[in-house]
Protein backbone atom coordinates (compact mmCIF):
# COMPACT_ATOMS: atom_id res chain seq x y z
CA UNK A 1 138.75 193.17 -154.78
CA UNK A 2 136.88 191.63 -151.82
CA UNK A 3 133.27 192.52 -151.38
CA UNK A 4 132.10 194.13 -148.17
CA UNK A 5 129.51 192.46 -146.00
CA UNK A 6 125.86 192.48 -146.98
CA UNK A 7 123.66 194.82 -144.99
CA UNK A 8 120.03 194.13 -144.12
CA UNK A 9 117.79 196.42 -142.08
CA UNK A 10 116.04 194.58 -139.25
CA UNK A 11 112.65 195.35 -140.82
CA UNK A 12 113.70 193.56 -144.01
CA UNK A 13 114.95 190.65 -141.93
CA UNK A 14 111.55 190.39 -140.22
CA UNK A 15 109.76 190.34 -143.56
CA UNK A 16 112.14 187.97 -145.32
CA UNK A 17 114.03 185.90 -142.74
CA UNK A 18 114.01 182.82 -144.95
CA UNK A 19 115.55 184.68 -147.88
CA UNK A 20 118.15 186.27 -145.59
CA UNK A 21 119.14 182.87 -144.20
CA UNK A 22 119.36 181.46 -147.70
CA UNK A 23 121.65 184.33 -148.72
CA UNK A 24 123.88 183.81 -145.66
CA UNK A 25 124.18 180.08 -146.30
CA UNK A 26 124.89 180.52 -150.01
CA UNK A 27 127.48 183.27 -149.69
CA UNK A 28 129.13 182.11 -146.42
CA UNK A 29 129.75 185.81 -145.85
CA UNK A 30 128.56 187.78 -142.85
CA UNK A 31 125.40 189.85 -143.07
CA UNK A 32 125.18 192.99 -140.97
CA UNK A 33 121.74 193.57 -139.45
CA UNK A 34 121.04 197.25 -138.91
CA UNK A 35 118.54 198.92 -136.63
CA UNK A 36 117.81 202.63 -137.00
CA UNK A 37 120.67 202.90 -139.48
CA UNK A 38 123.32 201.45 -137.19
CA UNK A 39 124.90 198.00 -137.11
CA UNK A 40 123.14 195.93 -134.44
CA UNK A 41 124.19 192.33 -135.12
CA UNK A 42 126.09 190.06 -137.49
CA UNK A 43 124.55 186.93 -138.99
CA UNK A 44 126.82 184.08 -140.12
CA UNK A 45 126.19 180.64 -141.55
CA UNK A 46 127.05 177.80 -139.19
CA UNK A 47 129.91 176.75 -141.48
CA UNK A 48 131.42 180.25 -141.55
CA UNK A 49 131.07 180.52 -137.77
CA UNK A 50 132.79 177.15 -137.25
CA UNK A 51 135.60 178.15 -139.63
CA UNK A 52 136.16 181.40 -137.74
CA UNK A 53 136.11 179.61 -134.39
CA UNK A 54 138.70 177.11 -135.64
CA UNK A 55 140.91 179.97 -136.88
CA UNK A 56 140.50 181.77 -133.54
CA UNK A 57 141.51 178.63 -131.63
CA UNK A 58 144.63 178.25 -133.79
CA UNK A 59 145.57 181.89 -133.23
CA UNK A 60 145.14 181.44 -129.49
CA UNK A 61 147.44 178.42 -129.56
CA UNK A 62 150.03 180.36 -131.54
CA UNK A 63 149.84 183.28 -129.13
CA UNK A 64 150.24 180.93 -126.16
CA UNK A 65 153.27 179.37 -127.86
CA UNK A 66 154.78 182.81 -128.42
CA UNK A 67 154.30 183.64 -124.72
CA UNK A 68 155.88 180.32 -123.70
CA UNK A 69 158.88 180.92 -125.96
CA UNK A 70 159.30 184.43 -124.56
CA UNK A 71 159.23 182.96 -121.05
CA UNK A 72 161.79 180.30 -121.98
CA UNK A 73 159.26 177.47 -121.64
CA UNK A 74 159.11 176.39 -125.30
CA UNK A 75 160.45 173.20 -126.85
CA UNK A 76 162.99 173.08 -129.63
CA UNK A 77 161.80 172.12 -133.13
CA UNK A 78 163.74 168.85 -133.30
CA UNK A 79 162.18 167.47 -130.11
CA UNK A 80 158.70 168.43 -131.29
CA UNK A 81 159.29 166.79 -134.69
CA UNK A 82 160.72 163.65 -133.05
CA UNK A 83 157.66 163.38 -130.80
CA UNK A 84 155.33 163.91 -133.78
CA UNK A 85 157.16 161.21 -135.76
CA UNK A 86 156.83 158.73 -132.92
CA UNK A 87 153.12 159.51 -132.52
CA UNK A 88 152.52 159.04 -136.24
CA UNK A 89 154.54 155.82 -136.30
CA UNK A 90 152.42 154.33 -133.51
CA UNK A 91 149.15 154.83 -135.44
């Protein structure tokens, strides 16, 4: 079962920012920063942020492809594979 995100009150973050950063880097999991008992911010390691951004970019490309296919603008699989083969052969 996946663990939920860690939660740190902002006062604890102020007192132990170094330890909080170390925990974020080690776990690569988000840490929720709370203020007055409510979620105020999310802290991520740079690596986790970059991974999520890469995933988001891929999802955006897939969504754009779906819209193009729905609009009849897509390319058939064989032409895409042929173009990929020729690009790989030229390297």
